[in-house]
Each structure stands twice: as structure tokens, then as C-alpha cells.
């Protein structure tokens, strides 16, 4: 598992690239992403806003080997939205191209946040 500095470094690099090349939301055959957007009434703009608010505390796991696209490692983060945990899997994508959002849906099981501070 990476430490907080490594997660922050990934996020810094991800958001620099995101601002330059934007983000591509992959739409796989699995309908979970679209169902979440409909169920929670998340617009495409709101989905971007949620991703833009990801911080180190939201880290769940990664880097994970990209066995689907074999492009770059994937990182999983979680955000709370309307009482639901959102499972968000992102990647740097290919060089000189969009960042990727591979998954954006309601978590299917409880997620553990190793860096989240509890009050």
C-alpha cells in the first residue's frame, strides 16, 4: 500500500493531466455507472465536480494493475454522496491523452479508507 505522499503525488499528477487533457468516462457493458447517475440524479457536470474534490483521505486502494485496458495503473477512491458511498476508479490513461474514469458507481460493499481521520 502506498503512503499518503504517494497518493498525493498521484492526485497531483492526475489533476495536472486532467486540466490539460480532460477526462474520458469509459462506458463498459456493465450498467452500474449509468444506473448510479440516474438513481442519484448526478449530472455529467456533477460527476466531474465530485472527481475534482477527491483528496488523499478518499483513498481506498491502488495502484492496481490495469488488466482490462493495460494502459496504466488504476486507483480507487470513495466519496460520500447523498448517503451513498461512491466507488470511483481512475487512471492516468495513455501518455498525451485523457485521464480515465473506469468506474463511478455506488459501492457494492463497505470501503475502507486507510488515511481518513475520524473525529
PDB file of N, CA and C in Angstrom:
ATOM      1  N   UNK A   1       0.846  -1.179   0.000  1.00  0.00           N
ATOM      2  CA  UNK A   1       0.000   0.000   0.000  1.00  0.00           C
ATOM      3  C   UNK A   1       0.889   1.237   0.000  1.00  0.00           C
ATOM      4  N   UNK A   2       0.555   2.214  -0.825  1.00  0.00           N
ATOM      5  CA  UNK A   2       1.345   3.442  -0.844  1.00  0.00           C
ATOM      6  C   UNK A   2       1.105   4.257   0.425  1.00  0.00           C
ATOM      7  N   UNK A   3       2.027   5.152   0.711  1.00  0.00           N
ATOM      8  CA  UNK A   3       1.796   6.052   1.838  1.00  0.00           C
ATOM      9  C   UNK A   3       1.055   7.292   1.333  1.00  0.00           C
ATOM     10  N   UNK A   4       0.714   8.183   2.248  1.00  0.00           N
ATOM     11  CA  UNK A   4      -0.072   9.369   1.892  1.00  0.00           C
ATOM     12  C   UNK A   4       0.637  10.248   0.868  1.00  0.00           C
ATOM     13  N   UNK A   5       1.957  10.343   0.965  1.00  0.00           N
ATOM     14  CA  UNK A   5       2.699  11.165  -0.005  1.00  0.00           C
ATOM     15  C   UNK A   5       2.577  10.602  -1.416  1.00  0.00           C
ATOM     16  N   UNK A   6       2.622   9.286  -1.536  1.00  0.00           N
ATOM     17  CA  UNK A   6       2.496   8.667  -2.858  1.00  0.00           C
ATOM     18  C   UNK A   6       1.100   8.883  -3.439  1.00  0.00           C
ATOM     19  N   UNK A   7       0.085   8.786  -2.600  1.00  0.00           N
ATOM     20  CA  UNK A   7      -1.280   9.036  -3.064  1.00  0.00           C
ATOM     21  C   UNK A   7      -1.415  10.498  -3.477  1.00  0.00           C
ATOM     22  N   UNK A   8      -0.867  11.413  -2.683  1.00  0.00           N
ATOM     23  CA  UNK A   8      -0.929  12.831  -3.030  1.00  0.00           C
ATOM     24  C   UNK A   8      -0.188  13.102  -4.334  1.00  0.00           C
ATOM     25  N   UNK A   9       0.942  12.454  -4.528  1.00  0.00           N
ATOM     26  CA  UNK A   9       1.706  12.623  -5.772  1.00  0.00           C
ATOM     27  C   UNK A   9       0.874  12.152  -6.968  1.00  0.00           C
ATOM     28  N   UNK A  10       0.203  11.000  -6.816  1.00  0.00           N
ATOM     29  CA  UNK A  10      -0.666  10.533  -7.899  1.00  0.00           C
ATOM     30  C   UNK A  10      -1.761  11.560  -8.179  1.00  0.00           C
ATOM     31  N   UNK A  11      -2.426  12.039  -7.133  1.00  0.00           N
ATOM     32  CA  UNK A  11      -3.511  13.008  -7.331  1.00  0.00           C
ATOM     33  C   UNK A  11      -3.002  14.295  -7.968  1.00  0.00           C
ATOM     34  N   UNK A  12      -1.851  14.774  -7.534  1.00  0.00           N
ATOM     35  CA  UNK A  12      -1.275  15.982  -8.140  1.00  0.00           C
ATOM     36  C   UNK A  12      -1.052  15.766  -9.633  1.00  0.00           C
ATOM     37  N   UNK A  13      -0.415  14.661  -9.980  1.00  0.00           N
ATOM     38  CA  UNK A  13      -0.147  14.355 -11.390  1.00  0.00           C
ATOM     39  C   UNK A  13      -1.445  14.155 -12.168  1.00  0.00           C
ATOM     40  N   UNK A  14      -2.392  13.451 -11.558  1.00  0.00           N
ATOM     41  CA  UNK A  14      -3.675  13.195 -12.212  1.00  0.00           C
ATOM     42  C   UNK A  14      -4.384  14.509 -12.537  1.00  0.00           C
ATOM     43  N   UNK A  15      -4.461  15.413 -11.563  1.00  0.00           N
ATOM     44  CA  UNK A  15      -5.212  16.646 -11.791  1.00  0.00           C
ATOM     45  C   UNK A  15      -4.500  17.603 -12.737  1.00  0.00           C
ATOM     46  N   UNK A  16      -3.181  17.583 -12.788  1.00  0.00           N
ATOM     47  CA  UNK A  16      -2.469  18.375 -13.802  1.00  0.00           C
ATOM     48  C   UNK A  16      -2.850  17.861 -15.188  1.00  0.00           C
ATOM     49  N   UNK A  17      -2.771  16.562 -15.369  1.00  0.00           N
ATOM     50  CA  UNK A  17      -3.112  15.971 -16.670  1.00  0.00           C
ATOM     51  C   UNK A  17      -4.595  16.166 -16.983  1.00  0.00           C
ATOM     52  N   UNK A  18      -5.447  16.037 -15.983  1.00  0.00           N
ATOM     53  CA  UNK A  18      -6.894  16.243 -16.148  1.00  0.00           C
ATOM     54  C   UNK A  18      -7.180  17.649 -16.686  1.00  0.00           C
ATOM     55  N   UNK A  19      -6.490  18.643 -16.142  1.00  0.00           N
ATOM     56  CA  UNK A  19      -6.712  20.025 -16.580  1.00  0.00           C
ATOM     57  C   UNK A  19      -6.224  20.254 -18.011  1.00  0.00           C
ATOM     58  N   UNK A  20      -5.239  19.504 -18.433  1.00  0.00           N
ATOM     59  CA  UNK A  20      -4.699  19.668 -19.787  1.00  0.00           C
ATOM     60  C   UNK A  20      -5.480  18.836 -20.803  1.00  0.00           C
ATOM     61  N   UNK A  21      -5.691  17.561 -20.500  1.00  0.00           N
ATOM     62  CA  UNK A  21      -6.264  16.628 -21.472  1.00  0.00           C
ATOM     63  C   UNK A  21      -7.708  16.221 -21.184  1.00  0.00           C
ATOM     64  N   UNK A  22      -8.265  16.670 -20.055  1.00  0.00           N
ATOM     65  CA  UNK A  22      -9.638  16.336 -19.667  1.00  0.00           C
ATOM     66  C   UNK A  22      -9.728  14.875 -19.197  1.00  0.00           C
ATOM     67  N   UNK A  23     -10.922  14.364 -19.092  1.00  0.00           N
ATOM     68  CA  UNK A  23     -11.142  13.003 -18.597  1.00  0.00           C
ATOM     69  C   UNK A  23     -12.116  12.289 -19.518  1.00  0.00           C
ATOM     70  N   UNK A  24     -11.872  11.020 -19.722  1.00  0.00           N
ATOM     71  CA  UNK A  24     -12.752  10.180 -20.518  1.00  0.00           C
ATOM     72  C   UNK A  24     -13.425   9.198 -19.569  1.00  0.00           C
ATOM     73  N   UNK A  25     -14.748   9.161 -19.611  1.00  0.00           N
ATOM     74  CA  UNK A  25     -15.507   8.229 -18.789  1.00  0.00           C
ATOM     75  C   UNK A  25     -15.763   6.987 -19.633  1.00  0.00           C
ATOM     76  N   UNK A  26     -15.150   5.886 -19.249  1.00  0.00           N
ATOM     77  CA  UNK A  26     -15.328   4.660 -20.027  1.00  0.00           C
ATOM     78  C   UNK A  26     -16.686   4.073 -19.698  1.00  0.00           C
ATOM     79  N   UNK A  27     -17.398   3.711 -20.694  1.00  0.00           N
ATOM     80  CA  UNK A  27     -18.723   3.122 -20.510  1.00  0.00           C
ATOM     81  C   UNK A  27     -18.637   1.660 -20.921  1.00  0.00           C
ATOM     82  N   UNK A  28     -18.524   0.801 -19.940  1.00  0.00           N
ATOM     83  CA  UNK A  28     -18.427  -0.634 -20.200  1.00  0.00           C
ATOM     84  C   UNK A  28     -19.823  -1.226 -20.344  1.00  0.00           C
ATOM     85  N   UNK A  29     -19.860  -2.499 -20.622  1.00  0.00           N
ATOM     86  CA  UNK A  29     -21.153  -3.179 -20.772  1.00  0.00           C
ATOM     87  C   UNK A  29     -21.920  -3.242 -19.457  1.00  0.00           C
ATOM     88  N   UNK A  30     -21.208  -3.166 -18.347  1.00  0.00           N
ATOM     89  CA  UNK A  30     -21.849  -3.195 -17.035  1.00  0.00           C
ATOM     90  C   UNK A  30     -22.592  -1.871 -16.823  1.00  0.00           C
ATOM     91  N   UNK A  31     -23.873  -1.901 -16.541  1.00  0.00           N
ATOM     92  CA  UNK A  31     -24.665  -0.667 -16.453  1.00  0.00           C
ATOM     93  C   UNK A  31     -24.578   0.069 -15.107  1.00  0.00           C
ATOM     94  N   UNK A  32     -23.721  -0.374 -14.176  1.00  0.00           N
ATOM     95  CA  UNK A  32     -23.690   0.227 -12.834  1.00  0.00           C
ATOM     96  C   UNK A  32     -23.438   1.731 -12.861  1.00  0.00           C
ATOM     97  N   UNK A  33     -22.528   2.178 -13.725  1.00  0.00           N
ATOM     98  CA  UNK A  33     -22.205   3.601 -13.764  1.00  0.00           C
ATOM     99  C   UNK A  33     -23.429   4.431 -14.149  1.00  0.00           C
ATOM    100  N   UNK A  34     -24.096   4.036 -15.230  1.00  0.00           N
ATOM    101  CA  UNK A  34     -25.278   4.775 -15.690  1.00  0.00           C
ATOM    102  C   UNK A  34     -26.414   4.685 -14.675  1.00  0.00           C
ATOM    103  N   UNK A  35     -26.603   3.526 -14.058  1.00  0.00           N
ATOM    104  CA  UNK A  35     -27.658   3.369 -13.057  1.00  0.00           C
ATOM    105  C   UNK A  35     -27.436   4.300 -11.872  1.00  0.00           C
ATOM    106  N   UNK A  36     -26.184   4.440 -11.443  1.00  0.00           N
ATOM    107  CA  UNK A  36     -25.877   5.339 -10.327  1.00  0.00           C
ATOM    108  C   UNK A  36     -26.195   6.775 -10.701  1.00  0.00           C
ATOM    109  N   UNK A  37     -25.815   7.166 -11.903  1.00  0.00           N
ATOM    110  CA  UNK A  37     -26.083   8.538 -12.349  1.00  0.00           C
ATOM    111  C   UNK A  37     -27.589   8.823 -12.336  1.00  0.00           C
ATOM    112  N   UNK A  38     -28.379   7.868 -12.798  1.00  0.00           N
ATOM    113  CA  UNK A  38     -29.831   8.047 -12.820  1.00  0.00           C
ATOM    114  C   UNK A  38     -30.427   8.027 -11.421  1.00  0.00           C
ATOM    115  N   UNK A  39     -30.063   7.040 -10.627  1.00  0.00           N
ATOM    116  CA  UNK A  39     -30.621   6.879  -9.289  1.00  0.00           C
ATOM    117  C   UNK A  39     -30.344   8.093  -8.407  1.00  0.00           C
ATOM    118  N   UNK A  40     -29.115   8.591  -8.454  1.00  0.00           N
ATOM    119  CA  UNK A  40     -28.728   9.712  -7.591  1.00  0.00           C
ATOM    120  C   UNK A  40     -28.861  11.065  -8.285  1.00  0.00           C
ATOM    121  N   UNK A  41     -29.384  11.048  -9.504  1.00  0.00           N
ATOM    122  CA  UNK A  41     -29.573  12.272 -10.293  1.00  0.00           C
ATOM    123  C   UNK A  41     -28.280  13.077 -10.373  1.00  0.00           C
ATOM    124  N   UNK A  42     -27.211  12.390 -10.736  1.00  0.00           N
ATOM    125  CA  UNK A  42     -25.902  13.032 -10.890  1.00  0.00           C
ATOM    126  C   UNK A  42     -25.738  13.405 -12.356  1.00  0.00           C
ATOM    127  N   UNK A  43     -25.613  14.687 -12.617  1.00  0.00           N
ATOM    128  CA  UNK A  43     -25.381  15.153 -13.983  1.00  0.00           C
ATOM    129  C   UNK A  43     -23.916  14.912 -14.348  1.00  0.00           C
ATOM    130  N   UNK A  44     -23.591  14.932 -15.637  1.00  0.00           N
ATOM    131  CA  UNK A  44     -22.181  14.814 -16.015  1.00  0.00           C
ATOM    132  C   UNK A  44     -21.310  15.889 -15.354  1.00  0.00           C
ATOM    133  N   UNK A  45     -21.831  17.108 -15.234  1.00  0.00           N
ATOM    134  CA  UNK A  45     -21.064  18.182 -14.587  1.00  0.00           C
ATOM    135  C   UNK A  45     -20.848  17.881 -13.105  1.00  0.00           C
ATOM    136  N   UNK A  46     -21.861  17.347 -12.440  1.00  0.00           N
ATOM    137  CA  UNK A  46     -21.727  16.999 -11.019  1.00  0.00           C
ATOM    138  C   UNK A  46     -20.733  15.854 -10.842  1.00  0.00           C
ATOM    139  N   UNK A  47     -20.745  14.899 -11.746  1.00  0.00           N
ATOM    140  CA  UNK A  47     -19.784  13.790 -11.678  1.00  0.00           C
ATOM    141  C   UNK A  47     -18.355  14.336 -11.755  1.00  0.00           C
ATOM    142  N   UNK A  48     -18.123  15.269 -12.645  1.00  0.00           N
ATOM    143  CA  UNK A  48     -16.797  15.898 -12.744  1.00  0.00           C
ATOM    144  C   UNK A  48     -16.448  16.620 -11.441  1.00  0.00           C
ATOM    145  N   UNK A  49     -17.419  17.335 -10.901  1.00  0.00           N
ATOM    146  CA  UNK A  49     -17.190  18.075  -9.660  1.00  0.00           C
ATOM    147  C   UNK A  49     -16.813  17.127  -8.522  1.00  0.00           C
ATOM    148  N   UNK A  50     -17.478  15.998  -8.437  1.00  0.00           N
ATOM    149  CA  UNK A  50     -17.166  15.009  -7.398  1.00  0.00           C
ATOM    150  C   UNK A  50     -15.736  14.505  -7.578  1.00  0.00           C
ATOM    151  N   UNK A  51     -15.363  14.197  -8.798  1.00  0.00           N
ATOM    152  CA  UNK A  51     -13.998  13.721  -9.061  1.00  0.00           C
ATOM    153  C   UNK A  51     -12.979  14.799  -8.720  1.00  0.00           C
ATOM    154  N   UNK A  52     -13.283  16.049  -9.051  1.00  0.00           N
ATOM    155  CA  UNK A  52     -12.356  17.154  -8.774  1.00  0.00           C
ATOM    156  C   UNK A  52     -12.150  17.381  -7.280  1.00  0.00           C
ATOM    157  N   UNK A  53     -13.029  16.852  -6.446  1.00  0.00           N
ATOM    158  CA  UNK A  53     -12.926  17.026  -4.998  1.00  0.00           C
ATOM    159  C   UNK A  53     -12.237  15.855  -4.297  1.00  0.00           C
ATOM    160  N   UNK A  54     -11.731  14.897  -5.055  1.00  0.00           N
ATOM    161  CA  UNK A  54     -11.037  13.751  -4.448  1.00  0.00           C
ATOM    162  C   UNK A  54      -9.766  14.233  -3.750  1.00  0.00           C
ATOM    163  N   UNK A  55      -9.572  13.746  -2.522  1.00  0.00           N
ATOM    164  CA  UNK A  55      -8.376  14.064  -1.741  1.00  0.00           C
ATOM    165  C   UNK A  55      -7.773  12.763  -1.204  1.00  0.00           C
ATOM    166  N   UNK A  56      -6.602  12.879  -0.601  1.00  0.00           N
ATOM    167  CA  UNK A  56      -5.901  11.704  -0.069  1.00  0.00           C
ATOM    168  C   UNK A  56      -6.786  10.910   0.886  1.00  0.00           C
ATOM    169  N   UNK A  57      -7.555  11.577   1.732  1.00  0.00           N
ATOM    170  CA  UNK A  57      -8.428  10.882   2.686  1.00  0.00           C
ATOM    171  C   UNK A  57      -9.429   9.952   2.000  1.00  0.00           C
ATOM    172  N   UNK A  58      -9.733  10.200   0.729  1.00  0.00           N
ATOM    173  CA  UNK A  58     -10.703   9.399  -0.018  1.00  0.00           C
ATOM    174  C   UNK A  58     -10.093   8.128  -0.608  1.00  0.00           C
ATOM    175  N   UNK A  59      -8.787   7.948  -0.442  1.00  0.00           N
ATOM    176  CA  UNK A  59      -8.086   6.788  -0.996  1.00  0.00           C
ATOM    177  C   UNK A  59      -8.635   5.489  -0.399  1.00  0.00           C
ATOM    178  N   UNK A  60      -8.853   4.495  -1.269  1.00  0.00           N
ATOM    179  CA  UNK A  60      -9.312   3.174  -0.846  1.00  0.00           C
ATOM    180  C   UNK A  60      -8.264   2.111  -1.174  1.00  0.00           C
ATOM    181  N   UNK A  61      -7.824   2.061  -2.432  1.00  0.00           N
ATOM    182  CA  UNK A  61      -6.792   1.090  -2.801  1.00  0.00           C
ATOM    183  C   UNK A  61      -6.114   1.484  -4.109  1.00  0.00           C
ATOM    184  N   UNK A  62      -4.986   0.873  -4.335  1.00  0.00           N
ATOM    185  CA  UNK A  62      -4.219   1.107  -5.546  1.00  0.00           C
ATOM    186  C   UNK A  62      -2.784   1.424  -5.184  1.00  0.00           C
ATOM    187  N   UNK A  63      -1.945   1.471  -6.167  1.00  0.00           N
ATOM    188  CA  UNK A  63      -2.261   1.262  -7.578  1.00  0.00           C
ATOM    189  C   UNK A  63      -2.561  -0.203  -7.890  1.00  0.00           C
ATOM    190  N   UNK A  64      -3.531  -0.387  -8.778  1.00  0.00           N
ATOM    191  CA  UNK A  64      -3.934  -1.717  -9.230  1.00  0.00           C
ATOM    192  C   UNK A  64      -3.529  -1.886 -10.692  1.00  0.00           C
ATOM    193  N   UNK A  65      -3.097  -3.061 -11.048  1.00  0.00           N
ATOM    194  CA  UNK A  65      -2.734  -3.333 -12.431  1.00  0.00           C
ATOM    195  C   UNK A  65      -3.975  -3.275 -13.309  1.00  0.00           C
ATOM    196  N   UNK A  66      -3.868  -2.570 -14.416  1.00  0.00           N
ATOM    197  CA  UNK A  66      -4.970  -2.439 -15.367  1.00  0.00           C
ATOM    198  C   UNK A  66      -4.991  -3.671 -16.267  1.00  0.00           C
ATOM    199  N   UNK A  67      -5.789  -4.648 -15.894  1.00  0.00           N
ATOM    200  CA  UNK A  67      -5.873  -5.871 -16.694  1.00  0.00           C
ATOM    201  C   UNK A  67      -6.869  -5.736 -17.845  1.00  0.00           C
ATOM    202  N   UNK A  68      -7.755  -4.738 -17.785  1.00  0.00           N
ATOM    203  CA  UNK A  68      -8.767  -4.553 -18.818  1.00  0.00           C
ATOM    204  C   UNK A  68      -8.200  -3.829 -20.038  1.00  0.00           C
ATOM    205  N   UNK A  69      -7.636  -2.644 -19.816  1.00  0.00           N
ATOM    206  CA  UNK A  69      -7.128  -1.832 -20.921  1.00  0.00           C
ATOM    207  C   UNK A  69      -5.611  -1.919 -21.067  1.00  0.00           C
ATOM    208  N   UNK A  70      -4.930  -2.345 -20.008  1.00  0.00           N
ATOM    209  CA  UNK A  70      -3.472  -2.456 -19.980  1.00  0.00           C
ATOM    210  C   UNK A  70      -2.802  -1.145 -20.384  1.00  0.00           C
ATOM    211  N   UNK A  71      -3.290  -0.056 -19.792  1.00  0.00           N
ATOM    212  CA  UNK A  71      -2.763   1.271 -20.114  1.00  0.00           C
ATOM    213  C   UNK A  71      -1.894   1.786 -18.978  1.00  0.00           C
ATOM    214  N   UNK A  72      -2.492   1.981 -17.825  1.00  0.00           N
ATOM    215  CA  UNK A  72      -1.745   2.469 -16.661  1.00  0.00           C
ATOM    216  C   UNK A  72      -2.459   2.002 -15.397  1.00  0.00           C
ATOM    217  N   UNK A  73      -1.760   2.073 -14.284  1.00  0.00           N
ATOM    218  CA  UNK A  73      -2.335   1.619 -13.020  1.00  0.00           C
ATOM    219  C   UNK A  73      -3.621   2.366 -12.691  1.00  0.00           C
ATOM    220  N   UNK A  74      -4.500   1.684 -11.977  1.00  0.00           N
ATOM    221  CA  UNK A  74      -5.772   2.264 -11.565  1.00  0.00           C
ATOM    222  C   UNK A  74      -5.748   2.502 -10.059  1.00  0.00           C
ATOM    223  N   UNK A  75      -6.433   3.534  -9.632  1.00  0.00           N
ATOM    224  CA  UNK A  75      -6.517   3.896  -8.223  1.00  0.00           C
ATOM    225  C   UNK A  75      -7.988   4.023  -7.855  1.00  0.00           C
ATOM    226  N   UNK A  76      -8.350   3.543  -6.671  1.00  0.00           N
ATOM    227  CA  UNK A  76      -9.742   3.563  -6.223  1.00  0.00           C
ATOM    228  C   UNK A  76      -9.894   4.559  -5.076  1.00  0.00           C
ATOM    229  N   UNK A  77     -10.917   5.390  -5.199  1.00  0.00           N
ATOM    230  CA  UNK A  77     -11.257   6.377  -4.179  1.00  0.00           C
ATOM    231  C   UNK A  77     -12.750   6.266  -3.893  1.00  0.00           C
ATOM    232  N   UNK A  78     -13.162   6.784  -2.769  1.00  0.00           N
ATOM    233  CA  UNK A  78     -14.570   6.782  -2.419  1.00  0.00           C
ATOM    234  C   UNK A  78     -15.009   8.174  -1.997  1.00  0.00           C
ATOM    235  N   UNK A  79     -16.216   8.526  -2.365  1.00  0.00           N
ATOM    236  CA  UNK A  79     -16.805   9.797  -1.944  1.00  0.00           C
ATOM    237  C   UNK A  79     -18.209   9.509  -1.429  1.00  0.00           C
ATOM    238  N   UNK A  80     -18.602  10.220  -0.400  1.00  0.00           N
ATOM    239  CA  UNK A  80     -19.950  10.104   0.125  1.00  0.00           C
ATOM    240  C   UNK A  80     -20.835  11.086  -0.631  1.00  0.00           C
ATOM    241  N   UNK A  81     -21.962  10.610  -1.157  1.00  0.00           N
ATOM    242  CA  UNK A  81     -22.882  11.468  -1.890  1.00  0.00           C
ATOM    243  C   UNK A  81     -24.300  11.013  -1.582  1.00  0.00           C
ATOM    244  N   UNK A  82     -25.082  11.907  -1.017  1.00  0.00           N
ATOM    245  CA  UNK A  82     -26.483  11.632  -0.673  1.00  0.00           C
ATOM    246  C   UNK A  82     -26.629  10.335   0.124  1.00  0.00           C
ATOM    247  N   UNK A  83     -25.732  10.145   1.068  1.00  0.00           N
ATOM    248  CA  UNK A  83     -25.803   8.978   1.934  1.00  0.00           C
ATOM    249  C   UNK A  83     -25.297   7.685   1.320  1.00  0.00           C
ATOM    250  N   UNK A  84     -24.734   7.756   0.141  1.00  0.00           N
ATOM    251  CA  UNK A  84     -24.187   6.580  -0.543  1.00  0.00           C
ATOM    252  C   UNK A  84     -22.682   6.736  -0.703  1.00  0.00           C
ATOM    253  N   UNK A  85     -21.969   5.624  -0.577  1.00  0.00           N
ATOM    254  CA  UNK A  85     -20.545   5.620  -0.871  1.00  0.00           C
ATOM    255  C   UNK A  85     -20.380   5.400  -2.374  1.00  0.00           C
ATOM    256  N   UNK A  86     -19.681   6.318  -3.026  1.00  0.00           N
ATOM    257  CA  UNK A  86     -19.401   6.160  -4.448  1.00  0.00           C
ATOM    258  C   UNK A  86     -18.036   5.516  -4.620  1.00  0.00           C
ATOM    259  N   UNK A  87     -17.971   4.505  -5.434  1.00  0.00           N
ATOM    260  CA  UNK A  87     -16.742   3.793  -5.783  1.00  0.00           C
ATOM    261  C   UNK A  87     -16.229   4.428  -7.069  1.00  0.00           C
ATOM    262  N   UNK A  88     -15.054   5.048  -6.998  1.00  0.00           N
ATOM    263  CA  UNK A  88     -14.511   5.785  -8.137  1.00  0.00           C
ATOM    264  C   UNK A  88     -13.134   5.226  -8.466  1.00  0.00           C
ATOM    265  N   UNK A  89     -12.999   4.675  -9.658  1.00  0.00           N
ATOM    266  CA  UNK A  89     -11.715   4.120 -10.100  1.00  0.00           C
ATOM    267  C   UNK A  89     -11.197   4.991 -11.242  1.00  0.00           C
ATOM    268  N   UNK A  90      -9.999   5.557 -11.052  1.00  0.00           N
ATOM    269  CA  UNK A  90      -9.426   6.458 -12.044  1.00  0.00           C
ATOM    270  C   UNK A  90      -8.029   6.000 -12.436  1.00  0.00           C
ATOM    271  N   UNK A  91      -7.576   6.534 -13.567  1.00  0.00           N
ATOM    272  CA  UNK A  91      -6.275   6.161 -14.108  1.00  0.00           C
ATOM    273  C   UNK A  91      -5.690   7.356 -14.855  1.00  0.00           C
ATOM    274  N   UNK A  92      -4.372   7.378 -14.959  1.00  0.00           N
ATOM    275  CA  UNK A  92      -3.701   8.428 -15.730  1.00  0.00           C
ATOM    276  C   UNK A  92      -3.963   8.287 -17.224  1.00  0.00           C
ATOM    277  N   UNK A  93      -4.344   7.118 -17.682  1.00  0.00           N
ATOM    278  CA  UNK A  93      -4.571   6.904 -19.108  1.00  0.00           C
ATOM    279  C   UNK A  93      -3.259   6.842 -19.876  1.00  0.00           C
ATOM    280  N   UNK A  94      -3.365   6.941 -21.183  1.00  0.00           N
ATOM    281  CA  UNK A  94      -2.173   6.903 -22.045  1.00  0.00           C
ATOM    282  C   UNK A  94      -1.429   8.235 -21.989  1.00  0.00           C
ATOM    283  N   UNK A  95      -0.165   8.200 -22.362  1.00  0.00           N
ATOM    284  CA  UNK A  95       0.626   9.432 -22.436  1.00  0.00           C
ATOM    285  C   UNK A  95      -0.002  10.376 -23.459  1.00  0.00           C
ATOM    286  N   UNK A  96      -0.008  11.656 -23.141  1.00  0.00           N
ATOM    287  CA  UNK A  96      -0.530  12.699 -24.032  1.00  0.00           C
ATOM    288  C   UNK A  96      -1.978  12.458 -24.449  1.00  0.00           C
ATOM    289  N   UNK A  97      -2.771  11.931 -23.530  1.00  0.00           N
ATOM    290  CA  UNK A  97      -4.192  11.678 -23.799  1.00  0.00           C
ATOM    291  C   UNK A  97      -4.978  11.873 -22.504  1.00  0.00           C
ATOM    292  N   UNK A  98      -6.293  11.713 -22.606  1.00  0.00           N
ATOM    293  CA  UNK A  98      -7.186  11.901 -21.462  1.00  0.00           C
ATOM    294  C   UNK A  98      -6.806  11.042 -20.268  1.00  0.00           C
ATOM    295  N   UNK A  99      -7.121  11.560 -19.075  1.00  0.00           N
ATOM    296  CA  UNK A  99      -7.168  10.702 -17.904  1.00  0.00           C
ATOM    297  C   UNK A  99      -8.427   9.844 -18.068  1.00  0.00           C
ATOM    298  N   UNK A 100      -8.538   8.795 -17.260  1.00  0.00           N
ATOM    299  CA  UNK A 100      -9.683   7.893 -17.395  1.00  0.00           C
ATOM    300  C   UNK A 100     -10.431   7.740 -16.079  1.00  0.00           C
ATOM    301  N   UNK A 101     -11.747   7.646 -16.189  1.00  0.00           N
ATOM    302  CA  UNK A 101     -12.582   7.210 -15.074  1.00  0.00           C
ATOM    303  C   UNK A 101     -13.195   5.891 -15.522  1.00  0.00           C
ATOM    304  N   UNK A 102     -12.742   4.819 -14.896  1.00  0.00           N
ATOM    305  CA  UNK A 102     -13.170   3.486 -15.285  1.00  0.00           C
ATOM    306  C   UNK A 102     -14.465   3.094 -14.578  1.00  0.00           C
ATOM    307  N   UNK A 103     -14.610   3.516 -13.330  1.00  0.00           N
ATOM    308  CA  UNK A 103     -15.811   3.190 -12.550  1.00  0.00           C
ATOM    309  C   UNK A 103     -16.272   4.413 -11.771  1.00  0.00           C
ATOM    310  N   UNK A 104     -17.570   4.580 -11.712  1.00  0.00           N
ATOM    311  CA  UNK A 104     -18.191   5.648 -10.927  1.00  0.00           C
ATOM    312  C   UNK A 104     -19.586   5.151 -10.576  1.00  0.00           C
ATOM    313  N   UNK A 105     -19.689   4.448  -9.455  1.00  0.00           N
ATOM    314  CA  UNK A 105     -20.977   3.854  -9.090  1.00  0.00           C
ATOM    315  C   UNK A 105     -21.072   3.679  -7.579  1.00  0.00           C
ATOM    316  N   UNK A 106     -22.264   3.363  -7.117  1.00  0.00           N
ATOM    317  CA  UNK A 106     -22.471   3.094  -5.696  1.00  0.00           C
ATOM    318  C   UNK A 106     -21.651   1.861  -5.329  1.00  0.00           C
ATOM    319  N   UNK A 107     -20.931   1.961  -4.227  1.00  0.00           N
ATOM    320  CA  UNK A 107     -20.090   0.848  -3.777  1.00  0.00           C
ATOM    321  C   UNK A 107     -20.946  -0.379  -3.495  1.00  0.00           C
ATOM    322  N   UNK A 108     -20.445  -1.527  -3.895  1.00  0.00           N
ATOM    323  CA  UNK A 108     -21.170  -2.778  -3.687  1.00  0.00           C
ATOM    324  C   UNK A 108     -20.909  -3.380  -2.316  1.00  0.00           C
ATOM    325  N   UNK A 109     -19.875  -2.914  -1.648  1.00  0.00           N
ATOM    326  CA  UNK A 109     -19.546  -3.377  -0.295  1.00  0.00           C
ATOM    327  C   UNK A 109     -18.892  -2.213   0.445  1.00  0.00           C
ATOM    328  N   UNK A 110     -18.858  -2.259   1.762  1.00  0.00           N
ATOM    329  CA  UNK A 110     -18.228  -1.165   2.517  1.00  0.00           C
ATOM    330  C   UNK A 110     -16.767  -0.984   2.094  1.00  0.00           C
ATOM    331  N   UNK A 111     -16.365   0.260   2.008  1.00  0.00           N
ATOM    332  CA  UNK A 111     -14.987   0.566   1.624  1.00  0.00           C
ATOM    333  C   UNK A 111     -14.204   1.018   2.847  1.00  0.00           C
ATOM    334  N   UNK A 112     -12.938   0.667   2.871  1.00  0.00           N
ATOM    335  CA  UNK A 112     -12.048   1.048   3.962  1.00  0.00           C
ATOM    336  C   UNK A 112     -11.141   2.167   3.478  1.00  0.00           C
ATOM    337  N   UNK A 113     -11.053   3.227   4.286  1.00  0.00           N
ATOM    338  CA  UNK A 113     -10.253   4.405   3.960  1.00  0.00           C
ATOM    339  C   UNK A 113      -9.065   4.461   4.914  1.00  0.00           C
ATOM    340  N   UNK A 114      -7.910   3.968   4.517  1.00  0.00           N
ATOM    341  CA  UNK A 114      -6.786   3.881   5.452  1.00  0.00           C
ATOM    342  C   UNK A 114      -6.252   5.223   5.947  1.00  0.00           C
ATOM    343  N   UNK A 115      -6.504   6.312   5.219  1.00  0.00           N
ATOM    344  CA  UNK A 115      -5.954   7.608   5.616  1.00  0.00           C
ATOM    345  C   UNK A 115      -6.998   8.568   6.173  1.00  0.00           C
ATOM    346  N   UNK A 116      -8.260   8.158   6.189  1.00  0.00           N
ATOM    347  CA  UNK A 116      -9.327   9.050   6.654  1.00  0.00           C
ATOM    348  C   UNK A 116      -9.234   9.221   8.158  1.00  0.00           C
ATOM    349  N   UNK A 117      -9.263  10.460   8.577  1.00  0.00           N
ATOM    350  CA  UNK A 117      -9.224  10.789  10.001  1.00  0.00           C
ATOM    351  C   UNK A 117     -10.641  10.759  10.550  1.00  0.00           C
ATOM    352  N   UNK A 118     -10.849  10.049  11.639  1.00  0.00           N
ATOM    353  CA  UNK A 118     -12.164  10.024  12.275  1.00  0.00           C
ATOM    354  C   UNK A 118     -12.160  10.973  13.461  1.00  0.00           C
ATOM    355  N   UNK A 119     -13.285  11.613  13.667  1.00  0.00           N
ATOM    356  CA  UNK A 119     -13.398  12.572  14.777  1.00  0.00           C
ATOM    357  C   UNK A 119     -13.923  11.897  16.014  1.00  0.00           C
TER     358      UNK A 119
END
